[in-house]
């Protein structure tokens, strides 16, 4: 039988900071929940709790609608540093 891999327990950094609201205009804090292709990273990778992950998803979707964050990056247009133009 194979043994289960033991992973380090991840903690929600927003619970530790006692964040009540995620602002969609603060792109600098949202970029930690985005991959290099601007996809929303799942909870199992970021360690966020359900409440804060839902707030992050809503904030990212609002920032995309306001054109602060791009929706997708194509495979052909490779960006060396994707978060350089986000401030």
PDB file of N, CA and C in Angstrom:
ATOM      1  N   UNK A   1       0.823  -1.186   0.000  1.00  0.00           N
ATOM      2  CA  UNK A   1       0.000   0.000   0.000  1.00  0.00           C
ATOM      3  C   UNK A   1       0.868   1.250   0.000  1.00  0.00           C
ATOM      4  N   UNK A   2       0.347   2.250  -0.631  1.00  0.00           N
ATOM      5  CA  UNK A   2       1.098   3.501  -0.661  1.00  0.00           C
ATOM      6  C   UNK A   2       0.776   4.341   0.575  1.00  0.00           C
ATOM      7  N   UNK A   3       1.753   5.046   1.017  1.00  0.00           N
ATOM      8  CA  UNK A   3       1.564   5.915   2.173  1.00  0.00           C
ATOM      9  C   UNK A   3       1.050   7.268   1.723  1.00  0.00           C
ATOM     10  N   UNK A   4       0.256   7.893   2.577  1.00  0.00           N
ATOM     11  CA  UNK A   4      -0.251   9.224   2.264  1.00  0.00           C
ATOM     12  C   UNK A   4       0.865  10.239   2.421  1.00  0.00           C
ATOM     13  N   UNK A   5       0.882  11.172   1.518  1.00  0.00           N
ATOM     14  CA  UNK A   5       1.853  12.254   1.630  1.00  0.00           C
ATOM     15  C   UNK A   5       1.368  13.248   2.658  1.00  0.00           C
ATOM     16  N   UNK A   6       2.286  13.736   3.444  1.00  0.00           N
ATOM     17  CA  UNK A   6       1.931  14.723   4.456  1.00  0.00           C
ATOM     18  C   UNK A   6       2.370  16.096   3.975  1.00  0.00           C
ATOM     19  N   UNK A   7       1.413  16.988   3.897  1.00  0.00           N
ATOM     20  CA  UNK A   7       1.677  18.341   3.460  1.00  0.00           C
ATOM     21  C   UNK A   7       1.611  19.289   4.651  1.00  0.00           C
ATOM     22  N   UNK A   8       2.278  20.397   4.495  1.00  0.00           N
ATOM     23  CA  UNK A   8       2.257  21.414   5.533  1.00  0.00           C
ATOM     24  C   UNK A   8       0.882  22.075   5.555  1.00  0.00           C
ATOM     25  N   UNK A   9       0.339  22.268   6.730  1.00  0.00           N
ATOM     26  CA  UNK A   9      -0.965  22.906   6.873  1.00  0.00           C
ATOM     27  C   UNK A   9      -0.848  24.362   6.477  1.00  0.00           C
ATOM     28  N   UNK A  10      -1.706  24.777   5.562  1.00  0.00           N
ATOM     29  CA  UNK A  10      -1.707  26.160   5.121  1.00  0.00           C
ATOM     30  C   UNK A  10      -2.765  26.933   5.894  1.00  0.00           C
ATOM     31  N   UNK A  11      -2.450  28.169   6.232  1.00  0.00           N
ATOM     32  CA  UNK A  11      -3.357  29.000   6.989  1.00  0.00           C
ATOM     33  C   UNK A  11      -3.796  30.183   6.142  1.00  0.00           C
ATOM     34  N   UNK A  12      -4.991  30.640   6.389  1.00  0.00           N
ATOM     35  CA  UNK A  12      -5.534  31.782   5.662  1.00  0.00           C
ATOM     36  C   UNK A  12      -4.872  33.060   6.172  1.00  0.00           C
ATOM     37  N   UNK A  13      -4.150  33.731   5.307  1.00  0.00           N
ATOM     38  CA  UNK A  13      -3.458  34.947   5.730  1.00  0.00           C
ATOM     39  C   UNK A  13      -4.422  36.103   5.946  1.00  0.00           C
ATOM     40  N   UNK A  14      -5.616  36.018   5.342  1.00  0.00           N
ATOM     41  CA  UNK A  14      -6.605  37.072   5.530  1.00  0.00           C
ATOM     42  C   UNK A  14      -7.311  36.930   6.877  1.00  0.00           C
ATOM     43  N   UNK A  15      -7.457  35.702   7.366  1.00  0.00           N
ATOM     44  CA  UNK A  15      -8.024  35.501   8.711  1.00  0.00           C
ATOM     45  C   UNK A  15      -7.053  36.005   9.772  1.00  0.00           C
ATOM     46  N   UNK A  16      -5.763  35.766   9.556  1.00  0.00           N
ATOM     47  CA  UNK A  16      -4.766  36.240  10.510  1.00  0.00           C
ATOM     48  C   UNK A  16      -4.708  37.764  10.550  1.00  0.00           C
ATOM     49  N   UNK A  17      -4.908  38.403   9.383  1.00  0.00           N
ATOM     50  CA  UNK A  17      -4.897  39.863   9.318  1.00  0.00           C
ATOM     51  C   UNK A  17      -6.263  40.468   9.650  1.00  0.00           C
ATOM     52  N   UNK A  18      -7.273  39.618   9.864  1.00  0.00           N
ATOM     53  CA  UNK A  18      -8.639  40.032  10.191  1.00  0.00           C
ATOM     54  C   UNK A  18      -9.210  40.979   9.140  1.00  0.00           C
ATOM     55  N   UNK A  19      -9.149  40.548   7.881  1.00  0.00           N
ATOM     56  CA  UNK A  19      -9.669  41.318   6.759  1.00  0.00           C
ATOM     57  C   UNK A  19     -11.167  41.066   6.651  1.00  0.00           C
ATOM     58  N   UNK A  20     -11.956  42.148   6.578  1.00  0.00           N
ATOM     59  CA  UNK A  20     -13.406  42.026   6.459  1.00  0.00           C
ATOM     60  C   UNK A  20     -13.891  42.277   5.035  1.00  0.00           C
ATOM     61  N   UNK A  21     -13.106  43.003   4.238  1.00  0.00           N
ATOM     62  CA  UNK A  21     -13.551  43.373   2.896  1.00  0.00           C
ATOM     63  C   UNK A  21     -12.352  43.382   1.960  1.00  0.00           C
ATOM     64  N   UNK A  22     -12.525  42.799   0.789  1.00  0.00           N
ATOM     65  CA  UNK A  22     -11.481  42.819  -0.243  1.00  0.00           C
ATOM     66  C   UNK A  22     -11.858  43.867  -1.277  1.00  0.00           C
ATOM     67  N   UNK A  23     -10.992  44.835  -1.480  1.00  0.00           N
ATOM     68  CA  UNK A  23     -11.262  45.898  -2.438  1.00  0.00           C
ATOM     69  C   UNK A  23     -10.750  45.491  -3.807  1.00  0.00           C
ATOM     70  N   UNK A  24     -11.594  45.617  -4.823  1.00  0.00           N
ATOM     71  CA  UNK A  24     -11.194  45.214  -6.175  1.00  0.00           C
ATOM     72  C   UNK A  24     -10.191  46.178  -6.790  1.00  0.00           C
ATOM     73  N   UNK A  25     -10.096  47.392  -6.257  1.00  0.00           N
ATOM     74  CA  UNK A  25      -9.156  48.376  -6.798  1.00  0.00           C
ATOM     75  C   UNK A  25      -7.735  48.170  -6.295  1.00  0.00           C
ATOM     76  N   UNK A  26      -7.569  47.364  -5.263  1.00  0.00           N
ATOM     77  CA  UNK A  26      -6.251  47.069  -4.721  1.00  0.00           C
ATOM     78  C   UNK A  26      -5.686  45.844  -5.452  1.00  0.00           C
ATOM     79  N   UNK A  27      -5.159  46.076  -6.637  1.00  0.00           N
ATOM     80  CA  UNK A  27      -4.685  44.992  -7.503  1.00  0.00           C
ATOM     81  C   UNK A  27      -3.427  44.347  -6.933  1.00  0.00           C
ATOM     82  N   UNK A  28      -2.657  45.096  -6.173  1.00  0.00           N
ATOM     83  CA  UNK A  28      -1.430  44.552  -5.592  1.00  0.00           C
ATOM     84  C   UNK A  28      -1.685  43.396  -4.649  1.00  0.00           C
ATOM     85  N   UNK A  29      -2.761  43.467  -3.878  1.00  0.00           N
ATOM     86  CA  UNK A  29      -3.065  42.368  -2.966  1.00  0.00           C
ATOM     87  C   UNK A  29      -3.769  41.222  -3.675  1.00  0.00           C
ATOM     88  N   UNK A  30      -4.451  41.498  -4.774  1.00  0.00           N
ATOM     89  CA  UNK A  30      -5.143  40.448  -5.520  1.00  0.00           C
ATOM     90  C   UNK A  30      -4.186  39.587  -6.339  1.00  0.00           C
ATOM     91  N   UNK A  31      -3.026  40.099  -6.650  1.00  0.00           N
ATOM     92  CA  UNK A  31      -2.121  39.356  -7.527  1.00  0.00           C
ATOM     93  C   UNK A  31      -1.557  38.099  -6.867  1.00  0.00           C
ATOM     94  N   UNK A  32      -1.627  38.000  -5.533  1.00  0.00           N
ATOM     95  CA  UNK A  32      -1.148  36.794  -4.862  1.00  0.00           C
ATOM     96  C   UNK A  32      -2.120  35.636  -5.035  1.00  0.00           C
ATOM     97  N   UNK A  33      -3.338  35.930  -5.487  1.00  0.00           N
ATOM     98  CA  UNK A  33      -4.326  34.880  -5.726  1.00  0.00           C
ATOM     99  C   UNK A  33      -4.503  34.602  -7.205  1.00  0.00           C
ATOM    100  N   UNK A  34      -3.606  35.137  -8.037  1.00  0.00           N
ATOM    101  CA  UNK A  34      -3.666  34.917  -9.481  1.00  0.00           C
ATOM    102  C   UNK A  34      -2.435  34.162  -9.943  1.00  0.00           C
ATOM    103  N   UNK A  35      -2.610  33.305 -10.949  1.00  0.00           N
ATOM    104  CA  UNK A  35      -1.467  32.603 -11.527  1.00  0.00           C
ATOM    105  C   UNK A  35      -0.798  33.511 -12.549  1.00  0.00           C
ATOM    106  N   UNK A  36       0.261  33.006 -13.186  1.00  0.00           N
ATOM    107  CA  UNK A  36       0.981  33.829 -14.167  1.00  0.00           C
ATOM    108  C   UNK A  36       0.159  34.067 -15.428  1.00  0.00           C
ATOM    109  N   UNK A  37      -0.889  33.290 -15.624  1.00  0.00           N
ATOM    110  CA  UNK A  37      -1.813  33.512 -16.745  1.00  0.00           C
ATOM    111  C   UNK A  37      -3.086  34.209 -16.283  1.00  0.00           C
ATOM    112  N   UNK A  38      -3.046  34.805 -15.118  1.00  0.00           N
ATOM    113  CA  UNK A  38      -4.148  35.571 -14.528  1.00  0.00           C
ATOM    114  C   UNK A  38      -5.374  34.704 -14.246  1.00  0.00           C
ATOM    115  N   UNK A  39      -5.167  33.442 -13.927  1.00  0.00           N
ATOM    116  CA  UNK A  39      -6.264  32.591 -13.493  1.00  0.00           C
ATOM    117  C   UNK A  39      -6.351  32.654 -11.971  1.00  0.00           C
ATOM    118  N   UNK A  40      -7.553  32.456 -11.443  1.00  0.00           N
ATOM    119  CA  UNK A  40      -7.743  32.466 -10.002  1.00  0.00           C
ATOM    120  C   UNK A  40      -7.216  31.158  -9.432  1.00  0.00           C
ATOM    121  N   UNK A  41      -6.319  31.259  -8.458  1.00  0.00           N
ATOM    122  CA  UNK A  41      -5.727  30.064  -7.867  1.00  0.00           C
ATOM    123  C   UNK A  41      -6.706  29.430  -6.875  1.00  0.00           C
ATOM    124  N   UNK A  42      -6.735  28.105  -6.792  1.00  0.00           N
ATOM    125  CA  UNK A  42      -7.677  27.434  -5.889  1.00  0.00           C
ATOM    126  C   UNK A  42      -7.255  27.541  -4.430  1.00  0.00           C
ATOM    127  N   UNK A  43      -8.195  27.211  -3.563  1.00  0.00           N
ATOM    128  CA  UNK A  43      -7.966  27.287  -2.120  1.00  0.00           C
ATOM    129  C   UNK A  43      -6.870  26.346  -1.649  1.00  0.00           C
ATOM    130  N   UNK A  44      -6.771  25.192  -2.264  1.00  0.00           N
ATOM    131  CA  UNK A  44      -5.777  24.211  -1.803  1.00  0.00           C
ATOM    132  C   UNK A  44      -4.354  24.683  -2.048  1.00  0.00           C
ATOM    133  N   UNK A  45      -4.169  25.609  -2.984  1.00  0.00           N
ATOM    134  CA  UNK A  45      -2.831  26.152  -3.240  1.00  0.00           C
ATOM    135  C   UNK A  45      -2.548  27.412  -2.431  1.00  0.00           C
ATOM    136  N   UNK A  46      -3.555  28.254  -2.263  1.00  0.00           N
ATOM    137  CA  UNK A  46      -3.334  29.509  -1.541  1.00  0.00           C
ATOM    138  C   UNK A  46      -3.503  29.358  -0.041  1.00  0.00           C
ATOM    139  N   UNK A  47      -4.322  28.387   0.394  1.00  0.00           N
ATOM    140  CA  UNK A  47      -4.563  28.199   1.818  1.00  0.00           C
ATOM    141  C   UNK A  47      -5.643  29.088   2.379  1.00  0.00           C
ATOM    142  N   UNK A  48      -6.394  29.756   1.526  1.00  0.00           N
ATOM    143  CA  UNK A  48      -7.450  30.647   2.000  1.00  0.00           C
ATOM    144  C   UNK A  48      -8.642  29.851   2.509  1.00  0.00           C
ATOM    145  N   UNK A  49      -9.376  30.444   3.433  1.00  0.00           N
ATOM    146  CA  UNK A  49     -10.615  29.824   3.891  1.00  0.00           C
ATOM    147  C   UNK A  49     -11.712  30.117   2.860  1.00  0.00           C
ATOM    148  N   UNK A  50     -12.844  29.467   3.009  1.00  0.00           N
ATOM    149  CA  UNK A  50     -13.932  29.602   2.029  1.00  0.00           C
ATOM    150  C   UNK A  50     -14.456  31.024   1.964  1.00  0.00           C
ATOM    151  N   UNK A  51     -14.608  31.653   3.116  1.00  0.00           N
ATOM    152  CA  UNK A  51     -15.151  33.014   3.162  1.00  0.00           C
ATOM    153  C   UNK A  51     -14.257  33.999   2.403  1.00  0.00           C
ATOM    154  N   UNK A  52     -12.959  33.933   2.657  1.00  0.00           N
ATOM    155  CA  UNK A  52     -12.054  34.864   1.999  1.00  0.00           C
ATOM    156  C   UNK A  52     -11.814  34.500   0.538  1.00  0.00           C
ATOM    157  N   UNK A  53     -11.866  33.219   0.199  1.00  0.00           N
ATOM    158  CA  UNK A  53     -11.722  32.827  -1.202  1.00  0.00           C
ATOM    159  C   UNK A  53     -12.897  33.360  -2.020  1.00  0.00           C
ATOM    160  N   UNK A  54     -14.097  33.328  -1.460  1.00  0.00           N
ATOM    161  CA  UNK A  54     -15.262  33.879  -2.151  1.00  0.00           C
ATOM    162  C   UNK A  54     -15.120  35.388  -2.342  1.00  0.00           C
ATOM    163  N   UNK A  55     -14.613  36.083  -1.314  1.00  0.00           N
ATOM    164  CA  UNK A  55     -14.408  37.528  -1.436  1.00  0.00           C
ATOM    165  C   UNK A  55     -13.347  37.845  -2.488  1.00  0.00           C
ATOM    166  N   UNK A  56     -12.301  37.029  -2.552  1.00  0.00           N
ATOM    167  CA  UNK A  56     -11.249  37.241  -3.541  1.00  0.00           C
ATOM    168  C   UNK A  56     -11.789  37.017  -4.953  1.00  0.00           C
ATOM    169  N   UNK A  57     -12.596  35.985  -5.136  1.00  0.00           N
ATOM    170  CA  UNK A  57     -13.167  35.710  -6.451  1.00  0.00           C
ATOM    171  C   UNK A  57     -14.035  36.869  -6.932  1.00  0.00           C
ATOM    172  N   UNK A  58     -14.868  37.390  -6.041  1.00  0.00           N
ATOM    173  CA  UNK A  58     -15.732  38.515  -6.412  1.00  0.00           C
ATOM    174  C   UNK A  58     -14.887  39.741  -6.746  1.00  0.00           C
ATOM    175  N   UNK A  59     -13.859  40.005  -5.954  1.00  0.00           N
ATOM    176  CA  UNK A  59     -13.007  41.172  -6.192  1.00  0.00           C
ATOM    177  C   UNK A  59     -12.246  41.039  -7.511  1.00  0.00           C
ATOM    178  N   UNK A  60     -11.750  39.845  -7.825  1.00  0.00           N
ATOM    179  CA  UNK A  60     -11.025  39.649  -9.083  1.00  0.00           C
ATOM    180  C   UNK A  60     -11.969  39.798 -10.270  1.00  0.00           C
ATOM    181  N   UNK A  61     -13.172  39.270 -10.160  1.00  0.00           N
ATOM    182  CA  UNK A  61     -14.137  39.394 -11.248  1.00  0.00           C
ATOM    183  C   UNK A  61     -14.542  40.847 -11.464  1.00  0.00           C
ATOM    184  N   UNK A  62     -14.666  41.615 -10.388  1.00  0.00           N
ATOM    185  CA  UNK A  62     -14.980  43.039 -10.527  1.00  0.00           C
ATOM    186  C   UNK A  62     -13.805  43.803 -11.129  1.00  0.00           C
ATOM    187  N   UNK A  63     -12.588  43.433 -10.746  1.00  0.00           N
ATOM    188  CA  UNK A  63     -11.401  44.103 -11.312  1.00  0.00           C
ATOM    189  C   UNK A  63     -11.255  43.772 -12.794  1.00  0.00           C
ATOM    190  N   UNK A  64     -11.617  42.566 -13.187  1.00  0.00           N
ATOM    191  CA  UNK A  64     -11.586  42.216 -14.609  1.00  0.00           C
ATOM    192  C   UNK A  64     -12.621  43.022 -15.383  1.00  0.00           C
ATOM    193  N   UNK A  65     -13.809  43.187 -14.825  1.00  0.00           N
ATOM    194  CA  UNK A  65     -14.858  43.952 -15.500  1.00  0.00           C
ATOM    195  C   UNK A  65     -14.476  45.427 -15.614  1.00  0.00           C
ATOM    196  N   UNK A  66     -13.709  45.930 -14.648  1.00  0.00           N
ATOM    197  CA  UNK A  66     -13.252  47.322 -14.682  1.00  0.00           C
ATOM    198  C   UNK A  66     -11.955  47.477 -15.471  1.00  0.00           C
ATOM    199  N   UNK A  67     -11.464  46.401 -16.070  1.00  0.00           N
ATOM    200  CA  UNK A  67     -10.262  46.388 -16.903  1.00  0.00           C
ATOM    201  C   UNK A  67      -8.997  46.707 -16.115  1.00  0.00           C
ATOM    202  N   UNK A  68      -8.971  46.356 -14.823  1.00  0.00           N
ATOM    203  CA  UNK A  68      -7.753  46.513 -14.028  1.00  0.00           C
ATOM    204  C   UNK A  68      -6.861  45.285 -14.157  1.00  0.00           C
ATOM    205  N   UNK A  69      -7.484  44.131 -14.404  1.00  0.00           N
ATOM    206  CA  UNK A  69      -6.780  42.857 -14.587  1.00  0.00           C
ATOM    207  C   UNK A  69      -7.270  42.254 -15.892  1.00  0.00           C
ATOM    208  N   UNK A  70      -6.378  41.725 -16.720  1.00  0.00           N
ATOM    209  CA  UNK A  70      -6.851  41.085 -17.958  1.00  0.00           C
ATOM    210  C   UNK A  70      -7.561  39.768 -17.661  1.00  0.00           C
ATOM    211  N   UNK A  71      -8.450  39.385 -18.574  1.00  0.00           N
ATOM    212  CA  UNK A  71      -9.181  38.130 -18.395  1.00  0.00           C
ATOM    213  C   UNK A  71      -8.263  36.934 -18.582  1.00  0.00           C
ATOM    214  N   UNK A  72      -7.557  36.877 -19.697  1.00  0.00           N
ATOM    215  CA  UNK A  72      -6.672  35.751 -19.967  1.00  0.00           C
ATOM    216  C   UNK A  72      -5.425  36.238 -20.678  1.00  0.00           C
ATOM    217  N   UNK A  73      -4.423  35.370 -20.708  1.00  0.00           N
ATOM    218  CA  UNK A  73      -3.212  35.621 -21.472  1.00  0.00           C
ATOM    219  C   UNK A  73      -3.087  34.469 -22.450  1.00  0.00           C
ATOM    220  N   UNK A  74      -2.896  34.771 -23.722  1.00  0.00           N
ATOM    221  CA  UNK A  74      -2.810  33.704 -24.708  1.00  0.00           C
ATOM    222  C   UNK A  74      -1.476  32.982 -24.593  1.00  0.00           C
ATOM    223  N   UNK A  75      -1.438  31.776 -25.090  1.00  0.00           N
ATOM    224  CA  UNK A  75      -0.213  30.984 -25.026  1.00  0.00           C
ATOM    225  C   UNK A  75       0.871  31.557 -25.936  1.00  0.00           C
ATOM    226  N   UNK A  76       0.454  32.191 -27.021  1.00  0.00           N
ATOM    227  CA  UNK A  76       1.432  32.716 -27.981  1.00  0.00           C
ATOM    228  C   UNK A  76       2.092  33.999 -27.480  1.00  0.00           C
ATOM    229  N   UNK A  77       1.354  34.781 -26.716  1.00  0.00           N
ATOM    230  CA  UNK A  77       1.900  36.030 -26.186  1.00  0.00           C
ATOM    231  C   UNK A  77       2.511  35.749 -24.812  1.00  0.00           C
ATOM    232  N   UNK A  78       3.755  35.322 -24.810  1.00  0.00           N
ATOM    233  CA  UNK A  78       4.425  34.991 -23.564  1.00  0.00           C
ATOM    234  C   UNK A  78       4.897  36.269 -22.895  1.00  0.00           C
ATOM    235  N   UNK A  79       4.546  36.421 -21.634  1.00  0.00           N
ATOM    236  CA  UNK A  79       4.939  37.590 -20.864  1.00  0.00           C
ATOM    237  C   UNK A  79       6.008  37.170 -19.879  1.00  0.00           C
ATOM    238  N   UNK A  80       7.144  37.867 -19.898  1.00  0.00           N
ATOM    239  CA  UNK A  80       8.254  37.493 -19.009  1.00  0.00           C
ATOM    240  C   UNK A  80       7.890  37.751 -17.550  1.00  0.00           C
ATOM    241  N   UNK A  81       7.371  38.917 -17.251  1.00  0.00           N
ATOM    242  CA  UNK A  81       6.974  39.272 -15.890  1.00  0.00           C
ATOM    243  C   UNK A  81       5.528  39.743 -15.928  1.00  0.00           C
ATOM    244  N   UNK A  82       4.555  38.868 -15.678  1.00  0.00           N
ATOM    245  CA  UNK A  82       3.158  39.242 -15.879  1.00  0.00           C
ATOM    246  C   UNK A  82       2.628  40.305 -14.923  1.00  0.00           C
ATOM    247  N   UNK A  83       3.212  40.457 -13.742  1.00  0.00           N
ATOM    248  CA  UNK A  83       2.678  41.410 -12.781  1.00  0.00           C
ATOM    249  C   UNK A  83       3.457  42.724 -12.751  1.00  0.00           C
ATOM    250  N   UNK A  84       4.299  42.954 -13.722  1.00  0.00           N
ATOM    251  CA  UNK A  84       5.054  44.203 -13.777  1.00  0.00           C
ATOM    252  C   UNK A  84       4.142  45.400 -14.046  1.00  0.00           C
ATOM    253  N   UNK A  85       3.155  45.211 -14.948  1.00  0.00           N
ATOM    254  CA  UNK A  85       2.311  46.354 -15.320  1.00  0.00           C
ATOM    255  C   UNK A  85       1.171  46.580 -14.335  1.00  0.00           C
ATOM    256  N   UNK A  86       0.949  45.657 -13.406  1.00  0.00           N
ATOM    257  CA  UNK A  86      -0.076  45.844 -12.367  1.00  0.00           C
ATOM    258  C   UNK A  86       0.525  46.606 -11.195  1.00  0.00           C
ATOM    259  N   UNK A  87      -0.142  47.680 -10.795  1.00  0.00           N
ATOM    260  CA  UNK A  87       0.377  48.479  -9.669  1.00  0.00           C
ATOM    261  C   UNK A  87      -0.688  48.754  -8.672  1.00  0.00           C
TER     262      UNK A  87
END
